[in-house]
Amino acid sequence: MRPVADMPIETAAGVTVLFADIDDTLTHEGRLPACAYEALEALTGAGIAVAPITGRPAGWCDMIARMWPVAGVVGENGAFYFSYDAAARKMRRSFAIDAETRAKDRERLKAVRERILREVPGAAVSADQLYREADLAIDFCEDVPALAKADVVRIREIFEEEGAVAKISSIHVNGWFGQYDKLTMSRRFAADILGIDIDQDRDRIVFVGDSPNDAPMFGFFPNACGVANVLTFRGEMEAEPAYVTRREGGFGFVEVADRLLSARAARAGAA
């Protein structure tokens, strides 16, 4: 993981899309710093399409798609994307799994939830679970005292023993039934809303993240960036980002935004 300042100016200036995790990537200690939100506005204003790619629930993502300066949002680790068409006053929603199957899966996840809470003392259902469509989020440090790493791994193992996919973020273990992740839904979002093929255009897309559930994105995008707190998971992820910032969370995200925007400005000045 090289310093983000080492990203070549030609590479940074050519970026047209930025995907970013939210928790501990755009946020810092659970809050969205004003500078991070300002960076979102600046990127969008510069013509860079921005989309949060998050594990957060559908209820939150509806608000984000409507009110943030973004092209859309991928939520619940790839269960769906939402994109608000302001001119038509219409929310565009696309799900990886149909509504009937999602309802059945939620019933299946109830048994998984009870097993986790029984076998891992201190774990709790996430406070945002009520607003979720497709997954079960188990809190291990957001609103509960932080669990030991072995307990977090055990939560993931229980999900997997029950036939679910499970990913560890910086605050939750998310589990769901279905073969999708952040990357698969980002691919659909990019094709449907942005009109691009991420397999062909991956060099012009930057993903910014911080934790193991971002590994599919880190591995796919050659110019992916991690905010400094990603170093906590060094050696524990299936793939690591090419670049890393000096600062953590939203302040690190601003470093990435500044690198992209300054490179664009330098290229325009040279022209």
C-alpha atoms as a PDB file:
ATOM      1  CA  MET A   1       0.000   0.000   0.000  1.00  0.00           C
ATOM      2  CA  ARG A   2       1.724   3.135  -1.283  1.00  0.00           C
ATOM      3  CA  PRO A   3       0.958   6.684  -0.118  1.00  0.00           C
ATOM      4  CA  VAL A   4      -1.953   8.190  -2.038  1.00  0.00           C
ATOM      5  CA  ALA A   5       0.312  11.119  -2.868  1.00  0.00           C
ATOM      6  CA  ASP A   6       2.268   8.662  -5.056  1.00  0.00           C
ATOM      7  CA  MET A   7      -0.697   8.070  -7.379  1.00  0.00           C
ATOM      8  CA  PRO A   8       0.594   9.273 -10.776  1.00  0.00           C
ATOM      9  CA  ILE A   9      -0.900  12.593 -11.822  1.00  0.00           C
ATOM     10  CA  GLU A  10      -1.993  11.131 -15.165  1.00  0.00           C
ATOM     11  CA  THR A  11      -3.874   8.362 -13.356  1.00  0.00           C
ATOM     12  CA  ALA A  12      -5.499  10.704 -10.840  1.00  0.00           C
ATOM     13  CA  ALA A  13      -6.496  13.223 -13.505  1.00  0.00           C
ATOM     14  CA  GLY A  14      -8.182  10.495 -15.556  1.00  0.00           C
ATOM     15  CA  VAL A  15     -10.529   9.281 -12.815  1.00  0.00           C
ATOM     16  CA  THR A  16     -14.198   9.713 -13.762  1.00  0.00           C
ATOM     17  CA  VAL A  17     -15.923   7.661 -11.038  1.00  0.00           C
ATOM     18  CA  LEU A  18     -15.328   7.396  -7.295  1.00  0.00           C
ATOM     19  CA  PHE A  19     -16.903   4.673  -5.173  1.00  0.00           C
ATOM     20  CA  ALA A  20     -16.512   4.928  -1.389  1.00  0.00           C
ATOM     21  CA  ASP A  21     -17.473   2.992   1.699  1.00  0.00           C
ATOM     22  CA  ILE A  22     -19.220   5.061   4.393  1.00  0.00           C
ATOM     23  CA  ASP A  23     -18.427   3.836   7.928  1.00  0.00           C
ATOM     24  CA  ASP A  24     -14.896   4.802   8.954  1.00  0.00           C
ATOM     25  CA  THR A  25     -14.160   5.827   5.356  1.00  0.00           C
ATOM     26  CA  LEU A  26     -16.399   8.860   4.884  1.00  0.00           C
ATOM     27  CA  THR A  27     -17.091   9.063   8.605  1.00  0.00           C
ATOM     28  CA  HIS A  28     -14.722   9.563  11.527  1.00  0.00           C
ATOM     29  CA  GLU A  29     -15.610   8.161  14.940  1.00  0.00           C
ATOM     30  CA  GLY A  30     -19.196   7.689  13.807  1.00  0.00           C
ATOM     31  CA  ARG A  31     -19.700  11.183  12.394  1.00  0.00           C
ATOM     32  CA  LEU A  32     -19.562  12.622   8.875  1.00  0.00           C
ATOM     33  CA  PRO A  33     -17.038  15.491   8.978  1.00  0.00           C
ATOM     34  CA  ALA A  34     -18.027  18.633   7.113  1.00  0.00           C
ATOM     35  CA  CYS A  35     -14.844  18.389   5.056  1.00  0.00           C
ATOM     36  CA  ALA A  36     -15.798  14.920   3.813  1.00  0.00           C
ATOM     37  CA  TYR A  37     -19.237  16.081   2.709  1.00  0.00           C
ATOM     38  CA  GLU A  38     -17.652  19.128   1.088  1.00  0.00           C
ATOM     39  CA  ALA A  39     -15.312  16.766  -0.777  1.00  0.00           C
ATOM     40  CA  LEU A  40     -18.320  14.840  -2.107  1.00  0.00           C
ATOM     41  CA  GLU A  41     -19.776  18.087  -3.433  1.00  0.00           C
ATOM     42  CA  ALA A  42     -16.465  19.139  -4.951  1.00  0.00           C
ATOM     43  CA  LEU A  43     -15.982  15.808  -6.718  1.00  0.00           C
ATOM     44  CA  THR A  44     -19.518  15.866  -8.097  1.00  0.00           C
ATOM     45  CA  GLY A  45     -19.100  19.479  -9.168  1.00  0.00           C
ATOM     46  CA  ALA A  46     -15.913  18.539 -11.029  1.00  0.00           C
ATOM     47  CA  GLY A  47     -17.806  15.958 -13.078  1.00  0.00           C
ATOM     48  CA  ILE A  48     -16.684  12.873 -11.159  1.00  0.00           C
ATOM     49  CA  ALA A  49     -19.602  10.501 -10.521  1.00  0.00           C
ATOM     50  CA  VAL A  50     -19.673   9.592  -6.822  1.00  0.00           C
ATOM     51  CA  ALA A  51     -21.468   6.658  -5.212  1.00  0.00           C
ATOM     52  CA  PRO A  52     -21.238   5.344  -1.642  1.00  0.00           C
ATOM     53  CA  ILE A  53     -20.853   1.546  -1.569  1.00  0.00           C
ATOM     54  CA  THR A  54     -21.898   0.570   1.929  1.00  0.00           C
ATOM     55  CA  GLY A  55     -23.167  -2.086   4.287  1.00  0.00           C
ATOM     56  CA  ARG A  56     -25.723   0.320   5.689  1.00  0.00           C
ATOM     57  CA  PRO A  57     -29.458  -0.393   5.349  1.00  0.00           C
ATOM     58  CA  ALA A  58     -32.030   0.414   2.700  1.00  0.00           C
ATOM     59  CA  GLY A  59     -33.685   3.043   4.888  1.00  0.00           C
ATOM     60  CA  TRP A  60     -30.464   5.005   5.185  1.00  0.00           C
ATOM     61  CA  CYS A  61     -29.633   4.540   1.511  1.00  0.00           C
ATOM     62  CA  ASP A  62     -32.950   6.023   0.385  1.00  0.00           C
ATOM     63  CA  MET A  63     -32.085   9.215   2.246  1.00  0.00           C
ATOM     64  CA  ILE A  64     -28.496   9.250   0.973  1.00  0.00           C
ATOM     65  CA  ALA A  65     -29.561   8.792  -2.647  1.00  0.00           C
ATOM     66  CA  ARG A  66     -32.086  11.614  -2.307  1.00  0.00           C
ATOM     67  CA  MET A  67     -30.134  14.164  -0.297  1.00  0.00           C
ATOM     68  CA  TRP A  68     -26.398  13.687  -0.748  1.00  0.00           C
ATOM     69  CA  PRO A  69     -24.476  15.023  -3.782  1.00  0.00           C
ATOM     70  CA  VAL A  70     -24.096  11.533  -5.259  1.00  0.00           C
ATOM     71  CA  ALA A  71     -25.145   9.653  -8.393  1.00  0.00           C
ATOM     72  CA  GLY A  72     -26.547   6.806  -6.323  1.00  0.00           C
ATOM     73  CA  VAL A  73     -25.726   4.362  -3.551  1.00  0.00           C
ATOM     74  CA  VAL A  74     -25.119   0.620  -3.285  1.00  0.00           C
ATOM     75  CA  GLY A  75     -26.345  -0.697   0.061  1.00  0.00           C
ATOM     76  CA  GLU A  76     -26.355  -3.725   2.345  1.00  0.00           C
ATOM     77  CA  ASN A  77     -23.082  -4.934   0.850  1.00  0.00           C
ATOM     78  CA  GLY A  78     -24.506  -5.239  -2.650  1.00  0.00           C
ATOM     79  CA  ALA A  79     -28.146  -6.194  -2.034  1.00  0.00           C
ATOM     80  CA  PHE A  80     -29.361  -3.224  -4.114  1.00  0.00           C
ATOM     81  CA  TYR A  81     -28.651   0.150  -5.589  1.00  0.00           C
ATOM     82  CA  PHE A  82     -30.774   3.288  -5.298  1.00  0.00           C
ATOM     83  CA  SER A  83     -30.394   6.310  -7.582  1.00  0.00           C
ATOM     84  CA  TYR A  84     -32.618   9.362  -7.393  1.00  0.00           C
ATOM     85  CA  ASP A  85     -33.699  11.078 -10.607  1.00  0.00           C
ATOM     86  CA  ALA A  86     -34.326  14.603  -9.329  1.00  0.00           C
ATOM     87  CA  ALA A  87     -35.793  15.848 -12.594  1.00  0.00           C
ATOM     88  CA  ALA A  88     -38.370  13.055 -12.711  1.00  0.00           C
ATOM     89  CA  ARG A  89     -38.758  12.971  -8.908  1.00  0.00           C
ATOM     90  CA  LYS A  90     -38.330   9.225  -9.036  1.00  0.00           C
ATOM     91  CA  MET A  91     -36.162   6.804  -7.086  1.00  0.00           C
ATOM     92  CA  ARG A  92     -34.655   4.081  -9.233  1.00  0.00           C
ATOM     93  CA  ARG A  93     -34.253   0.860  -7.218  1.00  0.00           C
ATOM     94  CA  SER A  94     -32.653  -2.391  -8.303  1.00  0.00           C
ATOM     95  CA  PHE A  95     -32.290  -5.459  -6.063  1.00  0.00           C
ATOM     96  CA  ALA A  96     -30.044  -8.487  -6.435  1.00  0.00           C
ATOM     97  CA  ILE A  97     -32.831 -10.792  -5.198  1.00  0.00           C
ATOM     98  CA  ASP A  98     -36.587 -10.533  -5.717  1.00  0.00           C
ATOM     99  CA  ALA A  99     -38.953  -9.382  -2.948  1.00  0.00           C
ATOM    100  CA  GLU A 100     -40.469 -12.818  -2.270  1.00  0.00           C
ATOM    101  CA  THR A 101     -37.065 -14.429  -1.807  1.00  0.00           C
ATOM    102  CA  ARG A 102     -35.865 -11.563   0.375  1.00  0.00           C
ATOM    103  CA  ALA A 103     -38.863 -12.103   2.662  1.00  0.00           C
ATOM    104  CA  LYS A 104     -38.099 -15.824   2.967  1.00  0.00           C
ATOM    105  CA  ASP A 105     -34.440 -15.083   3.629  1.00  0.00           C
ATOM    106  CA  ARG A 106     -35.321 -12.687   6.441  1.00  0.00           C
ATOM    107  CA  GLU A 107     -37.202 -15.542   8.123  1.00  0.00           C
ATOM    108  CA  ARG A 108     -34.178 -17.825   7.712  1.00  0.00           C
ATOM    109  CA  LEU A 109     -31.937 -15.164   9.233  1.00  0.00           C
ATOM    110  CA  LYS A 110     -34.038 -15.079  12.417  1.00  0.00           C
ATOM    111  CA  ALA A 111     -32.687 -18.489  13.401  1.00  0.00           C
ATOM    112  CA  VAL A 112     -29.147 -17.389  12.601  1.00  0.00           C
ATOM    113  CA  ARG A 113     -29.638 -14.293  14.749  1.00  0.00           C
ATOM    114  CA  GLU A 114     -30.784 -16.335  17.735  1.00  0.00           C
ATOM    115  CA  ARG A 115     -27.825 -18.689  17.427  1.00  0.00           C
ATOM    116  CA  ILE A 116     -25.307 -15.832  17.260  1.00  0.00           C
ATOM    117  CA  LEU A 117     -26.784 -14.050  20.269  1.00  0.00           C
ATOM    118  CA  ARG A 118     -26.804 -17.328  22.194  1.00  0.00           C
ATOM    119  CA  GLU A 119     -23.263 -18.400  21.331  1.00  0.00           C
ATOM    120  CA  VAL A 120     -21.420 -15.052  21.289  1.00  0.00           C
ATOM    121  CA  PRO A 121     -22.031 -13.101  24.517  1.00  0.00           C
ATOM    122  CA  GLY A 122     -21.849  -9.336  24.015  1.00  0.00           C
ATOM    123  CA  ALA A 123     -22.908  -9.408  20.372  1.00  0.00           C
ATOM    124  CA  ALA A 124     -26.087  -7.529  19.485  1.00  0.00           C
ATOM    125  CA  VAL A 125     -28.348  -6.996  16.530  1.00  0.00           C
ATOM    126  CA  SER A 126     -27.434  -3.684  14.906  1.00  0.00           C
ATOM    127  CA  ALA A 127     -29.597  -0.713  15.816  1.00  0.00           C
ATOM    128  CA  ASP A 128     -30.272  -0.142  12.112  1.00  0.00           C
ATOM    129  CA  GLN A 129     -31.637  -3.663  11.506  1.00  0.00           C
ATOM    130  CA  LEU A 130     -35.233  -2.401  11.337  1.00  0.00           C
ATOM    131  CA  TYR A 131     -34.408  -0.554   8.120  1.00  0.00           C
ATOM    132  CA  ARG A 132     -32.783  -3.490   6.299  1.00  0.00           C
ATOM    133  CA  GLU A 133     -34.162  -5.357   3.295  1.00  0.00           C
ATOM    134  CA  ALA A 134     -31.851  -8.295   2.792  1.00  0.00           C
ATOM    135  CA  ASP A 135     -29.237  -8.924   5.465  1.00  0.00           C
ATOM    136  CA  LEU A 136     -28.649  -9.351   9.175  1.00  0.00           C
ATOM    137  CA  ALA A 137     -26.171  -6.962  10.791  1.00  0.00           C
ATOM    138  CA  ILE A 138     -24.531  -7.997  14.053  1.00  0.00           C
ATOM    139  CA  ASP A 139     -22.957  -5.185  16.025  1.00  0.00           C
ATOM    140  CA  PHE A 140     -19.586  -5.919  17.603  1.00  0.00           C
ATOM    141  CA  CYS A 141     -18.407  -2.410  18.505  1.00  0.00           C
ATOM    142  CA  GLU A 142     -20.713   0.378  17.279  1.00  0.00           C
ATOM    143  CA  ASP A 143     -23.246   0.507  20.149  1.00  0.00           C
ATOM    144  CA  VAL A 144     -21.808  -2.274  22.309  1.00  0.00           C
ATOM    145  CA  PRO A 145     -18.455  -2.717  24.072  1.00  0.00           C
ATOM    146  CA  ALA A 146     -15.939  -3.963  21.506  1.00  0.00           C
ATOM    147  CA  LEU A 147     -15.767  -7.736  21.188  1.00  0.00           C
ATOM    148  CA  ALA A 148     -12.512  -9.661  20.964  1.00  0.00           C
ATOM    149  CA  LYS A 149     -11.321 -10.430  17.449  1.00  0.00           C
ATOM    150  CA  ALA A 150     -11.925 -14.143  18.041  1.00  0.00           C
ATOM    151  CA  ASP A 151     -15.580 -13.419  18.828  1.00  0.00           C
ATOM    152  CA  VAL A 152     -15.972 -11.387  15.645  1.00  0.00           C
ATOM    153  CA  VAL A 153     -14.527 -14.250  13.625  1.00  0.00           C
ATOM    154  CA  ARG A 154     -16.879 -16.660  15.408  1.00  0.00           C
ATOM    155  CA  ILE A 155     -19.887 -14.566  14.328  1.00  0.00           C
ATOM    156  CA  ARG A 156     -18.745 -14.857  10.734  1.00  0.00           C
ATOM    157  CA  GLU A 157     -18.260 -18.607  11.139  1.00  0.00           C
ATOM    158  CA  ILE A 158     -21.800 -19.083  12.464  1.00  0.00           C
ATOM    159  CA  PHE A 159     -23.230 -17.254   9.467  1.00  0.00           C
ATOM    160  CA  GLU A 160     -21.219 -19.477   7.155  1.00  0.00           C
ATOM    161  CA  GLU A 161     -22.173 -22.668   9.019  1.00  0.00           C
ATOM    162  CA  GLU A 162     -25.803 -21.700   8.420  1.00  0.00           C
ATOM    163  CA  GLY A 163     -25.194 -21.342   4.681  1.00  0.00           C
ATOM    164  CA  ALA A 164     -25.005 -17.550   4.578  1.00  0.00           C
ATOM    165  CA  VAL A 165     -22.393 -15.233   3.119  1.00  0.00           C
ATOM    166  CA  ALA A 166     -20.737 -13.126   5.816  1.00  0.00           C
ATOM    167  CA  LYS A 167     -18.476 -10.074   5.694  1.00  0.00           C
ATOM    168  CA  ILE A 168     -16.742  -8.205   8.486  1.00  0.00           C
ATOM    169  CA  SER A 169     -16.796  -4.400   8.409  1.00  0.00           C
ATOM    170  CA  SER A 170     -15.248  -2.011  10.907  1.00  0.00           C
ATOM    171  CA  ILE A 171     -18.378  -2.173  13.113  1.00  0.00           C
ATOM    172  CA  HIS A 172     -20.635  -5.058  12.019  1.00  0.00           C
ATOM    173  CA  VAL A 173     -20.615  -8.579  10.724  1.00  0.00           C
ATOM    174  CA  ASN A 174     -23.179  -8.677   7.923  1.00  0.00           C
ATOM    175  CA  GLY A 175     -24.695 -11.936   6.730  1.00  0.00           C
ATOM    176  CA  TRP A 176     -27.071 -12.757   3.898  1.00  0.00           C
ATOM    177  CA  PHE A 177     -28.239 -15.496   1.563  1.00  0.00           C
ATOM    178  CA  GLY A 178     -27.376 -15.000  -2.092  1.00  0.00           C
ATOM    179  CA  GLN A 179     -24.302 -14.719  -4.281  1.00  0.00           C
ATOM    180  CA  TYR A 180     -23.719 -10.986  -4.444  1.00  0.00           C
ATOM    181  CA  ASP A 181     -21.345  -8.485  -2.922  1.00  0.00           C
ATOM    182  CA  LYS A 182     -20.336  -4.843  -3.234  1.00  0.00           C
ATOM    183  CA  LEU A 183     -18.602  -5.455  -6.545  1.00  0.00           C
ATOM    184  CA  THR A 184     -21.430  -7.287  -8.308  1.00  0.00           C
ATOM    185  CA  MET A 185     -23.973  -4.557  -7.550  1.00  0.00           C
ATOM    186  CA  SER A 186     -21.474  -1.789  -8.313  1.00  0.00           C
ATOM    187  CA  ARG A 187     -21.097  -3.364 -11.749  1.00  0.00           C
ATOM    188  CA  ARG A 188     -24.886  -3.257 -12.288  1.00  0.00           C
ATOM    189  CA  PHE A 189     -25.174   0.300 -10.943  1.00  0.00           C
ATOM    190  CA  ALA A 190     -22.388   1.523 -13.210  1.00  0.00           C
ATOM    191  CA  ALA A 191     -23.976  -0.049 -16.287  1.00  0.00           C
ATOM    192  CA  ASP A 192     -27.560   1.056 -15.548  1.00  0.00           C
ATOM    193  CA  ILE A 193     -26.999   4.543 -14.141  1.00  0.00           C
ATOM    194  CA  LEU A 194     -23.563   5.687 -15.287  1.00  0.00           C
ATOM    195  CA  GLY A 195     -23.558   3.896 -18.626  1.00  0.00           C
ATOM    196  CA  ILE A 196     -20.100   2.408 -18.151  1.00  0.00           C
ATOM    197  CA  ASP A 197     -18.575  -1.060 -18.092  1.00  0.00           C
ATOM    198  CA  ILE A 198     -16.389  -1.255 -15.002  1.00  0.00           C
ATOM    199  CA  ASP A 199     -14.494  -4.208 -16.419  1.00  0.00           C
ATOM    200  CA  GLN A 200     -13.304  -2.020 -19.286  1.00  0.00           C
ATOM    201  CA  ASP A 201     -13.051   1.239 -17.335  1.00  0.00           C
ATOM    202  CA  ARG A 202     -11.618   0.052 -14.020  1.00  0.00           C
ATOM    203  CA  ASP A 203      -8.471   2.168 -14.491  1.00  0.00           C
ATOM    204  CA  ARG A 204     -10.638   5.319 -14.411  1.00  0.00           C
ATOM    205  CA  ILE A 205     -12.506   4.324 -11.248  1.00  0.00           C
ATOM    206  CA  VAL A 206     -11.227   4.742  -7.702  1.00  0.00           C
ATOM    207  CA  PHE A 207     -12.706   2.892  -4.746  1.00  0.00           C
ATOM    208  CA  VAL A 208     -12.008   4.115  -1.204  1.00  0.00           C
ATOM    209  CA  GLY A 209     -12.535   1.801   1.763  1.00  0.00           C
ATOM    210  CA  ASP A 210     -11.247   0.682   5.134  1.00  0.00           C
ATOM    211  CA  SER A 211     -12.058  -2.929   6.089  1.00  0.00           C
ATOM    212  CA  PRO A 212     -12.259  -6.613   5.041  1.00  0.00           C
ATOM    213  CA  ASN A 213     -15.727  -6.330   3.472  1.00  0.00           C
ATOM    214  CA  ASP A 214     -14.126  -3.948   0.964  1.00  0.00           C
ATOM    215  CA  ALA A 215     -11.680  -6.610  -0.255  1.00  0.00           C
ATOM    216  CA  PRO A 216     -13.620  -7.446  -3.468  1.00  0.00           C
ATOM    217  CA  MET A 217     -13.380  -3.786  -4.451  1.00  0.00           C
ATOM    218  CA  PHE A 218      -9.727  -3.464  -3.420  1.00  0.00           C
ATOM    219  CA  GLY A 219      -8.855  -6.491  -5.498  1.00  0.00           C
ATOM    220  CA  PHE A 220     -10.767  -5.384  -8.585  1.00  0.00           C
ATOM    221  CA  PHE A 221      -9.821  -1.716  -8.924  1.00  0.00           C
ATOM    222  CA  PRO A 222      -6.093  -1.215  -9.553  1.00  0.00           C
ATOM    223  CA  ASN A 223      -6.145   2.321  -8.110  1.00  0.00           C
ATOM    224  CA  ALA A 224      -8.190   1.539  -4.994  1.00  0.00           C
ATOM    225  CA  CYS A 225      -7.341   3.567  -1.905  1.00  0.00           C
ATOM    226  CA  GLY A 226      -7.598   2.760   1.779  1.00  0.00           C
ATOM    227  CA  VAL A 227      -7.942   5.360   4.490  1.00  0.00           C
ATOM    228  CA  ALA A 228      -5.244   4.966   7.142  1.00  0.00           C
ATOM    229  CA  ASN A 229      -7.341   2.816   9.470  1.00  0.00           C
ATOM    230  CA  VAL A 230      -7.261   0.047   6.846  1.00  0.00           C
ATOM    231  CA  LEU A 231      -3.787  -0.724   8.198  1.00  0.00           C
ATOM    232  CA  THR A 232      -5.522  -2.282  11.227  1.00  0.00           C
ATOM    233  CA  PHE A 233      -6.503  -5.149   8.921  1.00  0.00           C
ATOM    234  CA  ARG A 234      -3.187  -5.545   7.122  1.00  0.00           C
ATOM    235  CA  GLY A 235      -2.607  -9.218   6.430  1.00  0.00           C
ATOM    236  CA  GLU A 236      -6.224 -10.140   7.207  1.00  0.00           C
ATOM    237  CA  MET A 237      -7.886  -9.176   3.920  1.00  0.00           C
ATOM    238  CA  GLU A 238      -8.190 -11.167   0.724  1.00  0.00           C
ATOM    239  CA  ALA A 239      -7.000  -8.083  -1.167  1.00  0.00           C
ATOM    240  CA  GLU A 240      -5.482  -4.769  -0.134  1.00  0.00           C
ATOM    241  CA  PRO A 241      -5.730  -1.323  -1.745  1.00  0.00           C
ATOM    242  CA  ALA A 242      -2.973   0.006  -3.961  1.00  0.00           C
ATOM    243  CA  TYR A 243      -2.778   3.279  -2.026  1.00  0.00           C
ATOM    244  CA  VAL A 244      -3.287   4.422   1.553  1.00  0.00           C
ATOM    245  CA  THR A 245      -3.846   7.854   3.098  1.00  0.00           C
ATOM    246  CA  ARG A 246      -2.018   9.448   6.004  1.00  0.00           C
ATOM    247  CA  ARG A 247      -5.177  10.222   7.982  1.00  0.00           C
ATOM    248  CA  GLU A 248      -8.066   8.042   9.076  1.00  0.00           C
ATOM    249  CA  GLY A 249     -11.733   7.997   8.132  1.00  0.00           C
ATOM    250  CA  GLY A 250     -13.312  11.011   6.497  1.00  0.00           C
ATOM    251  CA  PHE A 251     -10.119  13.035   6.793  1.00  0.00           C
ATOM    252  CA  GLY A 252      -8.297  10.392   4.782  1.00  0.00           C
ATOM    253  CA  PHE A 253     -11.099  10.436   2.216  1.00  0.00           C
ATOM    254  CA  VAL A 254     -10.464  14.159   1.768  1.00  0.00           C
ATOM    255  CA  GLU A 255      -6.826  13.345   0.920  1.00  0.00           C
ATOM    256  CA  VAL A 256      -8.021  11.095  -1.923  1.00  0.00           C
ATOM    257  CA  ALA A 257     -10.465  13.725  -3.181  1.00  0.00           C
ATOM    258  CA  ASP A 258      -7.779  16.403  -3.052  1.00  0.00           C
ATOM    259  CA  ARG A 259      -5.391  14.196  -5.035  1.00  0.00           C
ATOM    260  CA  LEU A 260      -7.952  13.654  -7.790  1.00  0.00           C
ATOM    261  CA  LEU A 261      -9.092  17.275  -7.937  1.00  0.00           C
ATOM    262  CA  SER A 262      -5.606  18.768  -7.862  1.00  0.00           C
ATOM    263  CA  ALA A 263      -4.510  16.417 -10.641  1.00  0.00           C
ATOM    264  CA  ARG A 264      -7.456  17.537 -12.773  1.00  0.00           C
ATOM    265  CA  ALA A 265      -6.600  21.153 -12.117  1.00  0.00           C
ATOM    266  CA  ALA A 266      -2.952  20.578 -13.022  1.00  0.00           C
ATOM    267  CA  ARG A 267      -3.913  18.884 -16.280  1.00  0.00           C
ATOM    268  CA  ALA A 268      -6.306  21.690 -17.159  1.00  0.00           C
ATOM    269  CA  GLY A 269      -3.607  24.253 -16.389  1.00  0.00           C
ATOM    270  CA  ALA A 270      -1.102  22.462 -18.581  1.00  0.00           C
ATOM    271  CA  ALA A 271      -3.592  22.455 -21.423  1.00  0.00           C
END
